[in-house]
Amino acid sequence: MARFTDGEGREWSLRLTVGGIKRVKEAMDMDLSEVIESDTLERLQHVLTATEVLWLLIEPEAERHGVTAASFGESLAGDEYAAALEALLEAVVDFSPGPRRAMLRRMLEASKTLQGRAADEVEKRISGGVLDEAIDELLAGIDRENPVGSSGSATGLPGLSGSIPTATACASSTG
């Protein structure tokens, strides 16, 4: 059974059932039993949609503990939200029958591997100075287009030439 802990330290168990699928289908016109055949996985990439699905699945348990939809939503951020989404996807996989479950599990693991490798690659590039080089190139381009002190801009920054008055303009308006 998939589990996650929200930002208030409450642990939630997610076990997808026909009843849960029905609640989600009625409230959101989304069929969690047809994740491959529909746009369900794409829709679950949206934070508010995924949070609403999570709420609908835990709602019976939450109500027993006096937790409202609003307080549940407020308890999900960052790592807690990521863990809840992962638990939701695992619950969908666990609900699926035999061969389909195996295929979905492989897809979920491949997705996790891809995300991990992509994060590693981004970190490697940032650590390697690629981000600093891109910033330097951007700033050099701005300097070439609008050198400081050029007559085109009082600030030397693009798009601000008319927004900050020059000393000449201030003197002529007071005289």
N, C-alpha and C. Protein backbone atom coordinates (compact mmCIF):
# COMPACT_ATOMS: atom_id res chain seq x y z
N MET A 1 0.85 -1.17 0.00
CA MET A 1 0.00 0.00 0.00
C MET A 1 0.89 1.24 0.00
N ALA A 2 0.56 2.18 -0.87
CA ALA A 2 1.33 3.41 -0.98
C ALA A 2 1.02 4.32 0.21
N ARG A 3 2.05 5.00 0.70
CA ARG A 3 1.88 5.90 1.84
C ARG A 3 2.66 7.19 1.60
N PHE A 4 2.18 8.25 2.23
CA PHE A 4 2.92 9.51 2.23
C PHE A 4 2.57 10.26 3.51
N THR A 5 3.44 11.19 3.87
CA THR A 5 3.24 12.01 5.06
C THR A 5 3.12 13.46 4.60
N ASP A 6 2.09 14.16 5.08
CA ASP A 6 1.90 15.55 4.68
C ASP A 6 2.75 16.47 5.56
N GLY A 7 2.68 17.76 5.31
CA GLY A 7 3.48 18.74 6.02
C GLY A 7 3.12 18.90 7.49
N GLU A 8 1.98 18.36 7.90
CA GLU A 8 1.58 18.40 9.30
C GLU A 8 1.98 17.13 10.04
N GLY A 9 2.70 16.25 9.35
CA GLY A 9 3.14 15.01 9.96
C GLY A 9 2.10 13.90 9.96
N ARG A 10 0.99 14.11 9.26
CA ARG A 10 -0.05 13.07 9.19
C ARG A 10 0.31 12.08 8.10
N GLU A 11 0.26 10.80 8.44
CA GLU A 11 0.55 9.76 7.45
C GLU A 11 -0.75 9.31 6.80
N TRP A 12 -0.71 9.22 5.48
CA TRP A 12 -1.88 8.80 4.71
C TRP A 12 -1.57 7.54 3.94
N SER A 13 -2.53 6.63 3.89
CA SER A 13 -2.41 5.40 3.11
C SER A 13 -3.27 5.55 1.87
N LEU A 14 -2.69 5.21 0.74
CA LEU A 14 -3.44 5.28 -0.51
C LEU A 14 -3.58 3.87 -1.07
N ARG A 15 -4.78 3.41 -1.09
CA ARG A 15 -5.10 2.13 -1.73
C ARG A 15 -6.25 2.43 -2.68
N LEU A 16 -5.95 2.39 -3.96
CA LEU A 16 -6.97 2.69 -4.95
C LEU A 16 -7.99 1.57 -4.97
N THR A 17 -9.26 1.95 -4.86
CA THR A 17 -10.37 1.00 -4.88
C THR A 17 -11.37 1.44 -5.94
N VAL A 18 -12.31 0.58 -6.23
CA VAL A 18 -13.37 0.94 -7.16
C VAL A 18 -14.14 2.15 -6.63
N GLY A 19 -14.38 2.19 -5.32
CA GLY A 19 -15.06 3.33 -4.72
C GLY A 19 -14.30 4.63 -4.93
N GLY A 20 -12.99 4.60 -4.77
CA GLY A 20 -12.16 5.79 -5.00
C GLY A 20 -12.17 6.20 -6.47
N ILE A 21 -12.08 5.21 -7.34
CA ILE A 21 -12.13 5.50 -8.78
C ILE A 21 -13.46 6.18 -9.12
N LYS A 22 -14.53 5.69 -8.52
CA LYS A 22 -15.86 6.26 -8.77
C LYS A 22 -15.94 7.70 -8.27
N ARG A 23 -15.41 7.98 -7.07
CA ARG A 23 -15.44 9.35 -6.55
C ARG A 23 -14.70 10.30 -7.48
N VAL A 24 -13.54 9.89 -7.95
CA VAL A 24 -12.74 10.72 -8.85
C VAL A 24 -13.45 10.90 -10.19
N LYS A 25 -14.01 9.83 -10.72
CA LYS A 25 -14.72 9.89 -12.00
C LYS A 25 -15.91 10.85 -11.92
N GLU A 26 -16.69 10.76 -10.85
CA GLU A 26 -17.87 11.62 -10.70
C GLU A 26 -17.50 13.09 -10.48
N ALA A 27 -16.46 13.32 -9.72
CA ALA A 27 -16.09 14.70 -9.38
C ALA A 27 -15.26 15.38 -10.47
N MET A 28 -14.45 14.59 -11.20
CA MET A 28 -13.48 15.20 -12.10
C MET A 28 -13.52 14.67 -13.53
N ASP A 29 -14.41 13.73 -13.81
CA ASP A 29 -14.46 13.10 -15.12
C ASP A 29 -13.09 12.55 -15.53
N MET A 30 -12.46 11.86 -14.58
CA MET A 30 -11.15 11.25 -14.80
C MET A 30 -11.23 9.81 -14.33
N ASP A 31 -10.84 8.89 -15.20
CA ASP A 31 -10.90 7.47 -14.85
C ASP A 31 -9.49 6.97 -14.54
N LEU A 32 -9.21 6.78 -13.27
CA LEU A 32 -7.88 6.33 -12.85
C LEU A 32 -7.57 4.90 -13.28
N SER A 33 -8.58 4.16 -13.71
CA SER A 33 -8.32 2.79 -14.17
C SER A 33 -7.91 2.76 -15.64
N GLU A 34 -7.94 3.92 -16.30
CA GLU A 34 -7.56 3.99 -17.71
C GLU A 34 -6.43 4.99 -17.93
N VAL A 35 -5.36 4.82 -17.18
CA VAL A 35 -4.27 5.80 -17.25
C VAL A 35 -3.55 5.80 -18.59
N ILE A 36 -3.49 4.67 -19.26
CA ILE A 36 -2.79 4.60 -20.54
C ILE A 36 -3.69 5.05 -21.68
N GLU A 37 -4.96 4.68 -21.61
CA GLU A 37 -5.89 4.95 -22.70
C GLU A 37 -6.42 6.38 -22.72
N SER A 38 -6.12 7.16 -21.71
CA SER A 38 -6.69 8.51 -21.59
C SER A 38 -5.58 9.53 -21.31
N ASP A 39 -5.99 10.74 -21.04
CA ASP A 39 -5.03 11.81 -20.71
C ASP A 39 -4.81 11.93 -19.19
N THR A 40 -5.13 10.87 -18.46
CA THR A 40 -5.05 10.91 -16.99
C THR A 40 -3.66 11.25 -16.49
N LEU A 41 -2.63 10.60 -17.01
CA LEU A 41 -1.27 10.88 -16.53
C LEU A 41 -0.88 12.32 -16.80
N GLU A 42 -1.26 12.82 -17.96
CA GLU A 42 -0.97 14.23 -18.28
C GLU A 42 -1.70 15.15 -17.30
N ARG A 43 -2.95 14.87 -17.03
CA ARG A 43 -3.73 15.70 -16.10
C ARG A 43 -3.15 15.66 -14.69
N LEU A 44 -2.59 14.52 -14.30
CA LEU A 44 -2.02 14.39 -12.96
C LEU A 44 -0.72 15.18 -12.80
N GLN A 45 -0.17 15.70 -13.88
CA GLN A 45 1.03 16.53 -13.79
C GLN A 45 0.70 17.93 -13.29
N HIS A 46 -0.57 18.29 -13.26
CA HIS A 46 -1.00 19.59 -12.78
C HIS A 46 -1.23 19.50 -11.27
N VAL A 47 -0.61 20.37 -10.52
CA VAL A 47 -0.62 20.32 -9.06
C VAL A 47 -2.03 20.30 -8.49
N LEU A 48 -2.87 21.21 -8.94
CA LEU A 48 -4.21 21.29 -8.36
C LEU A 48 -5.05 20.06 -8.69
N THR A 49 -4.89 19.55 -9.90
CA THR A 49 -5.62 18.35 -10.29
C THR A 49 -5.19 17.16 -9.44
N ALA A 50 -3.88 16.96 -9.34
CA ALA A 50 -3.37 15.83 -8.55
C ALA A 50 -3.78 15.96 -7.08
N THR A 51 -3.75 17.18 -6.54
CA THR A 51 -4.14 17.38 -5.15
C THR A 51 -5.62 17.06 -4.94
N GLU A 52 -6.45 17.44 -5.90
CA GLU A 52 -7.88 17.13 -5.81
C GLU A 52 -8.11 15.62 -5.86
N VAL A 53 -7.39 14.92 -6.73
CA VAL A 53 -7.51 13.46 -6.81
C VAL A 53 -7.06 12.84 -5.49
N LEU A 54 -5.94 13.30 -4.96
CA LEU A 54 -5.47 12.78 -3.67
C LEU A 54 -6.53 12.97 -2.60
N TRP A 55 -7.11 14.17 -2.56
CA TRP A 55 -8.14 14.44 -1.56
C TRP A 55 -9.32 13.48 -1.72
N LEU A 56 -9.79 13.32 -2.93
CA LEU A 56 -10.94 12.44 -3.15
C LEU A 56 -10.65 11.01 -2.71
N LEU A 57 -9.41 10.58 -2.85
CA LEU A 57 -9.06 9.22 -2.46
C LEU A 57 -8.91 9.06 -0.94
N ILE A 58 -8.45 10.09 -0.26
CA ILE A 58 -8.27 9.98 1.20
C ILE A 58 -9.44 10.58 1.98
N GLU A 59 -10.39 11.18 1.28
CA GLU A 59 -11.48 11.90 1.94
C GLU A 59 -12.19 11.10 3.04
N PRO A 60 -12.57 9.85 2.81
CA PRO A 60 -13.24 9.12 3.90
C PRO A 60 -12.38 9.04 5.18
N GLU A 61 -11.10 8.74 5.01
CA GLU A 61 -10.19 8.66 6.16
C GLU A 61 -9.99 10.05 6.77
N ALA A 62 -9.83 11.06 5.93
CA ALA A 62 -9.60 12.42 6.41
C ALA A 62 -10.78 12.91 7.24
N GLU A 63 -11.98 12.65 6.78
CA GLU A 63 -13.16 13.09 7.52
C GLU A 63 -13.24 12.43 8.90
N ARG A 64 -12.82 11.18 8.99
CA ARG A 64 -12.81 10.50 10.29
C ARG A 64 -11.86 11.19 11.27
N HIS A 65 -10.82 11.84 10.72
CA HIS A 65 -9.82 12.51 11.56
C HIS A 65 -10.05 14.02 11.64
N GLY A 66 -11.15 14.50 11.07
CA GLY A 66 -11.47 15.92 11.14
C GLY A 66 -10.60 16.81 10.26
N VAL A 67 -10.03 16.25 9.20
CA VAL A 67 -9.19 17.02 8.29
C VAL A 67 -10.05 17.49 7.12
N THR A 68 -9.99 18.77 6.84
CA THR A 68 -10.75 19.33 5.72
C THR A 68 -9.91 19.32 4.44
N ALA A 69 -10.58 19.50 3.33
CA ALA A 69 -9.88 19.58 2.04
C ALA A 69 -8.90 20.74 2.05
N ALA A 70 -9.32 21.86 2.62
CA ALA A 70 -8.46 23.04 2.67
C ALA A 70 -7.20 22.78 3.50
N SER A 71 -7.37 22.19 4.67
CA SER A 71 -6.18 21.94 5.51
C SER A 71 -5.28 20.88 4.89
N PHE A 72 -5.87 19.93 4.19
CA PHE A 72 -5.06 18.94 3.49
C PHE A 72 -4.22 19.62 2.41
N GLY A 73 -4.86 20.45 1.60
CA GLY A 73 -4.14 21.17 0.55
C GLY A 73 -3.04 22.04 1.11
N GLU A 74 -3.31 22.69 2.23
CA GLU A 74 -2.30 23.55 2.86
C GLU A 74 -1.11 22.74 3.38
N SER A 75 -1.30 21.46 3.60
CA SER A 75 -0.23 20.63 4.17
C SER A 75 0.68 20.03 3.11
N LEU A 76 0.41 20.31 1.84
CA LEU A 76 1.23 19.75 0.76
C LEU A 76 2.05 20.84 0.09
N ALA A 77 3.35 20.69 0.15
CA ALA A 77 4.26 21.60 -0.53
C ALA A 77 5.58 20.87 -0.74
N GLY A 78 6.27 21.22 -1.77
CA GLY A 78 7.61 20.70 -2.00
C GLY A 78 7.72 19.19 -1.92
N ASP A 79 8.56 18.73 -1.00
CA ASP A 79 8.82 17.30 -0.86
C ASP A 79 7.58 16.51 -0.46
N GLU A 80 6.73 17.12 0.38
CA GLU A 80 5.51 16.41 0.78
C GLU A 80 4.59 16.19 -0.42
N TYR A 81 4.48 17.21 -1.28
CA TYR A 81 3.67 17.07 -2.48
C TYR A 81 4.26 16.01 -3.40
N ALA A 82 5.57 16.04 -3.59
CA ALA A 82 6.23 15.06 -4.46
C ALA A 82 6.00 13.64 -3.95
N ALA A 83 6.09 13.44 -2.64
CA ALA A 83 5.86 12.12 -2.06
C ALA A 83 4.40 11.69 -2.23
N ALA A 84 3.48 12.63 -2.10
CA ALA A 84 2.06 12.31 -2.29
C ALA A 84 1.77 11.93 -3.73
N LEU A 85 2.36 12.65 -4.68
CA LEU A 85 2.16 12.32 -6.09
C LEU A 85 2.75 10.96 -6.42
N GLU A 86 3.91 10.68 -5.89
CA GLU A 86 4.53 9.36 -6.10
C GLU A 86 3.64 8.26 -5.52
N ALA A 87 3.09 8.48 -4.33
CA ALA A 87 2.19 7.50 -3.72
C ALA A 87 0.94 7.30 -4.57
N LEU A 88 0.42 8.38 -5.13
CA LEU A 88 -0.75 8.28 -6.00
C LEU A 88 -0.44 7.41 -7.22
N LEU A 89 0.68 7.67 -7.85
CA LEU A 89 1.05 6.87 -9.03
C LEU A 89 1.27 5.41 -8.66
N GLU A 90 1.87 5.17 -7.51
CA GLU A 90 2.07 3.79 -7.05
C GLU A 90 0.72 3.11 -6.78
N ALA A 91 -0.23 3.85 -6.22
CA ALA A 91 -1.55 3.28 -5.95
C ALA A 91 -2.25 2.90 -7.26
N VAL A 92 -2.10 3.74 -8.28
CA VAL A 92 -2.68 3.42 -9.59
C VAL A 92 -2.06 2.16 -10.14
N VAL A 93 -0.75 2.04 -10.03
CA VAL A 93 -0.06 0.84 -10.50
C VAL A 93 -0.54 -0.38 -9.73
N ASP A 94 -0.60 -0.26 -8.41
CA ASP A 94 -1.00 -1.40 -7.57
C ASP A 94 -2.43 -1.85 -7.86
N PHE A 95 -3.30 -0.94 -8.25
CA PHE A 95 -4.70 -1.28 -8.55
C PHE A 95 -4.81 -2.12 -9.83
N SER A 96 -3.90 -1.89 -10.75
CA SER A 96 -4.00 -2.53 -12.07
C SER A 96 -3.79 -4.04 -11.97
N PRO A 97 -4.50 -4.81 -12.81
CA PRO A 97 -4.35 -6.26 -12.79
C PRO A 97 -3.00 -6.72 -13.36
N GLY A 98 -2.57 -7.90 -12.95
CA GLY A 98 -1.35 -8.60 -13.33
C GLY A 98 -0.41 -8.02 -14.36
N PRO A 99 -0.52 -8.44 -15.64
CA PRO A 99 0.44 -8.00 -16.65
C PRO A 99 0.45 -6.48 -16.84
N ARG A 100 -0.70 -5.88 -16.74
CA ARG A 100 -0.78 -4.42 -16.87
C ARG A 100 -0.03 -3.76 -15.72
N ARG A 101 -0.14 -4.31 -14.52
CA ARG A 101 0.57 -3.77 -13.36
C ARG A 101 2.07 -3.81 -13.60
N ALA A 102 2.56 -4.92 -14.12
CA ALA A 102 3.99 -5.05 -14.38
C ALA A 102 4.46 -4.00 -15.39
N MET A 103 3.67 -3.79 -16.43
CA MET A 103 4.03 -2.81 -17.44
C MET A 103 4.02 -1.39 -16.83
N LEU A 104 2.99 -1.06 -16.08
CA LEU A 104 2.92 0.26 -15.46
C LEU A 104 4.05 0.47 -14.46
N ARG A 105 4.40 -0.58 -13.71
CA ARG A 105 5.50 -0.46 -12.75
C ARG A 105 6.81 -0.17 -13.47
N ARG A 106 7.03 -0.86 -14.61
CA ARG A 106 8.25 -0.59 -15.40
C ARG A 106 8.24 0.85 -15.90
N MET A 107 7.08 1.33 -16.35
CA MET A 107 6.98 2.71 -16.83
C MET A 107 7.27 3.70 -15.70
N LEU A 108 6.73 3.45 -14.53
CA LEU A 108 6.95 4.32 -13.38
C LEU A 108 8.43 4.34 -12.99
N GLU A 109 9.05 3.18 -12.96
CA GLU A 109 10.48 3.11 -12.62
C GLU A 109 11.33 3.81 -13.67
N ALA A 110 10.98 3.65 -14.95
CA ALA A 110 11.72 4.33 -16.02
C ALA A 110 11.59 5.84 -15.87
N SER A 111 10.40 6.30 -15.51
CA SER A 111 10.18 7.73 -15.32
C SER A 111 11.03 8.25 -14.16
N LYS A 112 11.10 7.51 -13.06
CA LYS A 112 11.92 7.92 -11.92
C LYS A 112 13.40 7.97 -12.31
N THR A 113 13.84 6.96 -13.08
CA THR A 113 15.23 6.93 -13.54
C THR A 113 15.53 8.14 -14.42
N LEU A 114 14.63 8.44 -15.35
CA LEU A 114 14.80 9.58 -16.23
C LEU A 114 14.88 10.88 -15.43
N GLN A 115 13.98 11.06 -14.48
CA GLN A 115 13.99 12.28 -13.66
C GLN A 115 15.29 12.40 -12.86
N GLY A 116 15.75 11.28 -12.32
CA GLY A 116 17.00 11.30 -11.56
C GLY A 116 18.19 11.65 -12.42
N ARG A 117 18.26 11.05 -13.60
CA ARG A 117 19.37 11.35 -14.51
C ARG A 117 19.32 12.78 -15.01
N ALA A 118 18.13 13.27 -15.30
CA ALA A 118 17.99 14.66 -15.76
C ALA A 118 18.44 15.62 -14.67
N ALA A 119 18.05 15.37 -13.42
CA ALA A 119 18.47 16.23 -12.31
C ALA A 119 19.99 16.18 -12.14
N ASP A 120 20.58 14.99 -12.28
CA ASP A 120 22.03 14.86 -12.18
C ASP A 120 22.73 15.65 -13.28
N GLU A 121 22.19 15.59 -14.49
CA GLU A 121 22.78 16.30 -15.63
C GLU A 121 22.69 17.82 -15.43
N VAL A 122 21.57 18.29 -14.96
CA VAL A 122 21.42 19.73 -14.70
C VAL A 122 22.41 20.16 -13.63
N GLU A 123 22.50 19.40 -12.56
CA GLU A 123 23.45 19.73 -11.49
C GLU A 123 24.88 19.75 -12.01
N LYS A 124 25.22 18.77 -12.85
CA LYS A 124 26.57 18.68 -13.42
C LYS A 124 26.86 19.93 -14.26
N ARG A 125 25.89 20.34 -15.06
CA ARG A 125 26.11 21.51 -15.92
C ARG A 125 26.21 22.79 -15.09
N ILE A 126 25.38 22.91 -14.08
CA ILE A 126 25.45 24.11 -13.23
C ILE A 126 26.79 24.14 -12.50
N SER A 127 27.20 23.00 -11.96
CA SER A 127 28.48 22.93 -11.25
C SER A 127 29.65 23.17 -12.19
N GLY A 128 29.48 22.80 -13.45
CA GLY A 128 30.54 22.97 -14.45
C GLY A 128 30.65 24.39 -14.98
N GLY A 129 29.81 25.29 -14.51
CA GLY A 129 29.92 26.68 -14.92
C GLY A 129 29.07 27.07 -16.12
N VAL A 130 28.27 26.16 -16.64
CA VAL A 130 27.46 26.47 -17.82
C VAL A 130 26.49 27.61 -17.52
N LEU A 131 25.88 27.62 -16.34
CA LEU A 131 24.95 28.68 -15.98
C LEU A 131 25.66 30.02 -15.89
N ASP A 132 26.83 30.05 -15.27
CA ASP A 132 27.60 31.29 -15.17
C ASP A 132 28.00 31.80 -16.55
N GLU A 133 28.38 30.89 -17.45
CA GLU A 133 28.73 31.29 -18.81
C GLU A 133 27.55 31.88 -19.54
N ALA A 134 26.37 31.29 -19.36
CA ALA A 134 25.17 31.81 -20.02
C ALA A 134 24.83 33.20 -19.50
N ILE A 135 24.97 33.43 -18.20
CA ILE A 135 24.71 34.75 -17.62
C ILE A 135 25.71 35.76 -18.17
N ASP A 136 27.00 35.38 -18.23
CA ASP A 136 28.03 36.27 -18.77
C ASP A 136 27.73 36.64 -20.22
N GLU A 137 27.31 35.65 -21.03
CA GLU A 137 26.97 35.92 -22.43
C GLU A 137 25.78 36.87 -22.54
N LEU A 138 24.77 36.65 -21.71
CA LEU A 138 23.59 37.52 -21.71
C LEU A 138 23.98 38.95 -21.36
N LEU A 139 24.77 39.12 -20.32
CA LEU A 139 25.19 40.46 -19.91
C LEU A 139 26.09 41.11 -20.95
N ALA A 140 26.94 40.34 -21.60
CA ALA A 140 27.80 40.89 -22.65
C ALA A 140 26.95 41.37 -23.82
N GLY A 141 25.91 40.64 -24.15
CA GLY A 141 25.00 41.04 -25.23
C GLY A 141 24.29 42.35 -24.89
N ILE A 142 23.87 42.49 -23.66
CA ILE A 142 23.21 43.73 -23.23
C ILE A 142 24.19 44.89 -23.33
N ASP A 143 25.44 44.67 -22.88
CA ASP A 143 26.45 45.72 -22.93
C ASP A 143 26.74 46.14 -24.37
N ARG A 144 26.79 45.16 -25.30
CA ARG A 144 27.06 45.48 -26.71
C ARG A 144 25.92 46.29 -27.32
N GLU A 145 24.68 45.92 -26.98
CA GLU A 145 23.52 46.60 -27.55
C GLU A 145 23.30 47.98 -26.95
N ASN A 146 23.62 48.16 -25.71
CA ASN A 146 23.36 49.42 -25.00
C ASN A 146 24.53 49.76 -24.09
N PRO A 147 25.62 50.25 -24.64
CA PRO A 147 26.75 50.58 -23.78
C PRO A 147 26.38 51.66 -22.77
N VAL A 148 26.93 51.56 -21.57
CA VAL A 148 26.66 52.53 -20.51
C VAL A 148 27.13 53.89 -20.99
N GLY A 149 26.26 54.89 -20.83
CA GLY A 149 26.61 56.25 -21.23
C GLY A 149 26.27 56.55 -22.68
N SER A 150 25.73 55.57 -23.42
CA SER A 150 25.35 55.85 -24.80
C SER A 150 24.14 56.75 -24.80
N SER A 151 23.95 57.47 -25.89
CA SER A 151 22.82 58.40 -25.96
C SER A 151 21.49 57.69 -26.06
N GLY A 152 21.48 56.38 -26.28
CA GLY A 152 20.23 55.65 -26.43
C GLY A 152 19.51 55.38 -25.13
N SER A 153 20.20 55.46 -23.99
CA SER A 153 19.56 55.08 -22.74
C SER A 153 20.19 55.80 -21.57
N ALA A 154 19.36 56.26 -20.68
CA ALA A 154 19.86 56.89 -19.46
C ALA A 154 20.38 55.85 -18.49
N THR A 155 19.96 54.60 -18.65
CA THR A 155 20.33 53.55 -17.70
C THR A 155 21.33 52.57 -18.25
N GLY A 156 21.45 52.49 -19.59
CA GLY A 156 22.29 51.45 -20.18
C GLY A 156 21.57 50.13 -20.27
N LEU A 157 20.31 50.07 -19.84
CA LEU A 157 19.54 48.83 -19.90
C LEU A 157 18.47 48.95 -20.97
N PRO A 158 18.26 47.88 -21.73
CA PRO A 158 17.26 47.95 -22.79
C PRO A 158 15.87 48.14 -22.21
N GLY A 159 15.06 48.94 -22.93
CA GLY A 159 13.67 49.10 -22.55
C GLY A 159 13.43 50.15 -21.48
N LEU A 160 14.50 50.76 -20.95
CA LEU A 160 14.32 51.73 -19.89
C LEU A 160 14.70 53.14 -20.32
N SER A 161 15.00 53.35 -21.59
CA SER A 161 15.52 54.64 -22.03
C SER A 161 14.57 55.79 -21.74
N GLY A 162 13.26 55.58 -21.86
CA GLY A 162 12.33 56.68 -21.63
C GLY A 162 11.76 56.71 -20.23
N SER A 163 12.09 55.74 -19.41
CA SER A 163 11.42 55.66 -18.12
C SER A 163 12.14 56.40 -17.01
N ILE A 164 13.43 56.71 -17.20
CA ILE A 164 14.18 57.44 -16.18
C ILE A 164 14.68 58.73 -16.82
N PRO A 165 14.28 59.87 -16.31
CA PRO A 165 14.67 61.13 -16.95
C PRO A 165 16.16 61.39 -16.80
N THR A 166 16.75 62.00 -17.83
CA THR A 166 18.15 62.38 -17.77
C THR A 166 18.27 63.73 -17.09
N ALA A 167 19.49 64.12 -16.73
CA ALA A 167 19.72 65.41 -16.08
C ALA A 167 19.29 66.55 -16.99
N THR A 168 19.53 66.45 -18.29
CA THR A 168 19.15 67.48 -19.24
C THR A 168 17.66 67.67 -19.26
N ALA A 169 16.90 66.56 -19.28
CA ALA A 169 15.44 66.63 -19.30
C ALA A 169 14.90 67.27 -18.02
N CYS A 170 15.52 66.98 -16.89
CA CYS A 170 15.06 67.56 -15.63
C CYS A 170 15.33 69.06 -15.60
N ALA A 171 16.48 69.50 -16.11
CA ALA A 171 16.83 70.91 -16.10
C ALA A 171 15.91 71.70 -17.01
N SER A 172 15.59 71.14 -18.17
CA SER A 172 14.74 71.87 -19.13
C SER A 172 13.31 71.97 -18.64
N SER A 173 12.85 71.03 -17.84
CA SER A 173 11.47 71.08 -17.38
C SER A 173 11.28 72.03 -16.20
N THR A 174 12.36 72.39 -15.52
CA THR A 174 12.25 73.31 -14.40
C THR A 174 12.56 74.74 -14.81
N GLY A 175 13.16 74.96 -15.96
CA GLY A 175 13.62 76.27 -16.34
C GLY A 175 12.67 77.01 -17.09
